[in-house]
Amino acid sequence: MKWLVTNCSVQFIFFQKYTYFIKLTILLPFIFNEIPYMITSTIRKKISQAKLLMNVSSI
């Protein structure tokens, strides 16, 4: 019985690692596509906010 429990826990740990690996392989391309887009969009927002501030302060 004890052997069965340890075997199950080992399989469970392996399964967790395996699912994590699958998630990682699925998410990696998505992350690599999303992150640069997010960075550029935030930079653009910051630039546009700065331009707005400059316009407001110049009036």
Protein backbone atom coordinates (compact mmCIF):
# COMPACT_ATOMS: atom_id res chain seq x y z
CA MET A 1 0.00 0.00 0.00
CA LYS A 2 2.77 2.44 0.90
CA TRP A 3 4.57 1.68 -2.37
CA LEU A 4 1.36 2.41 -4.27
CA VAL A 5 0.94 5.79 -2.56
CA THR A 6 4.53 6.84 -3.28
CA ASN A 7 4.20 5.63 -6.85
CA CYS A 8 1.03 7.69 -7.29
CA SER A 9 2.63 10.79 -5.81
CA VAL A 10 5.65 10.40 -8.09
CA GLN A 11 3.35 10.00 -11.08
CA PHE A 12 1.38 13.04 -9.96
CA ILE A 13 4.55 15.15 -9.69
CA PHE A 14 5.65 13.94 -13.10
CA PHE A 15 2.21 14.71 -14.52
CA GLN A 16 2.32 18.22 -13.04
CA LYS A 17 5.73 18.84 -14.55
CA TYR A 18 4.60 17.42 -17.88
CA THR A 19 1.47 19.59 -18.03
CA TYR A 20 3.58 22.60 -17.03
CA PHE A 21 5.96 21.80 -19.88
CA ILE A 22 3.06 21.49 -22.34
CA LYS A 23 1.61 24.80 -21.15
CA LEU A 24 5.02 26.38 -21.51
CA THR A 25 5.48 25.14 -25.08
CA ILE A 26 2.00 26.37 -25.98
CA LEU A 27 2.45 29.73 -24.24
CA LEU A 28 5.99 30.55 -25.37
CA PRO A 29 5.13 31.57 -28.95
CA PHE A 30 2.13 33.50 -27.65
CA ILE A 31 4.29 35.29 -25.07
CA PHE A 32 6.97 36.11 -27.62
CA ASN A 33 4.30 37.54 -29.92
CA GLU A 34 2.45 39.45 -27.20
CA ILE A 35 5.23 40.98 -25.10
CA PRO A 36 6.87 43.12 -27.83
CA TYR A 37 3.41 44.31 -28.91
CA MET A 38 2.52 45.21 -25.32
CA ILE A 39 5.83 47.02 -24.81
CA THR A 40 5.48 49.04 -28.03
CA SER A 41 1.86 49.90 -27.29
CA THR A 42 2.72 51.11 -23.77
CA ILE A 43 5.62 53.17 -25.17
CA ARG A 44 3.29 54.69 -27.77
CA LYS A 45 0.75 55.50 -25.06
CA LYS A 46 3.45 57.14 -22.94
CA ILE A 47 4.67 59.17 -25.94
CA SER A 48 1.15 60.30 -26.81
CA GLN A 49 0.52 61.23 -23.16
CA ALA A 50 3.76 63.21 -23.12
CA LYS A 51 2.77 64.99 -26.36
CA LEU A 52 -0.62 65.84 -24.85
CA LEU A 53 1.09 67.21 -21.74
CA MET A 54 3.44 69.27 -23.90
CA ASN A 55 0.51 70.66 -25.91
CA VAL A 56 -1.42 71.51 -22.75
CA SER A 57 1.56 73.17 -21.09
CA SER A 58 2.37 75.20 -24.23
CA ILE A 59 -1.12 76.73 -24.34
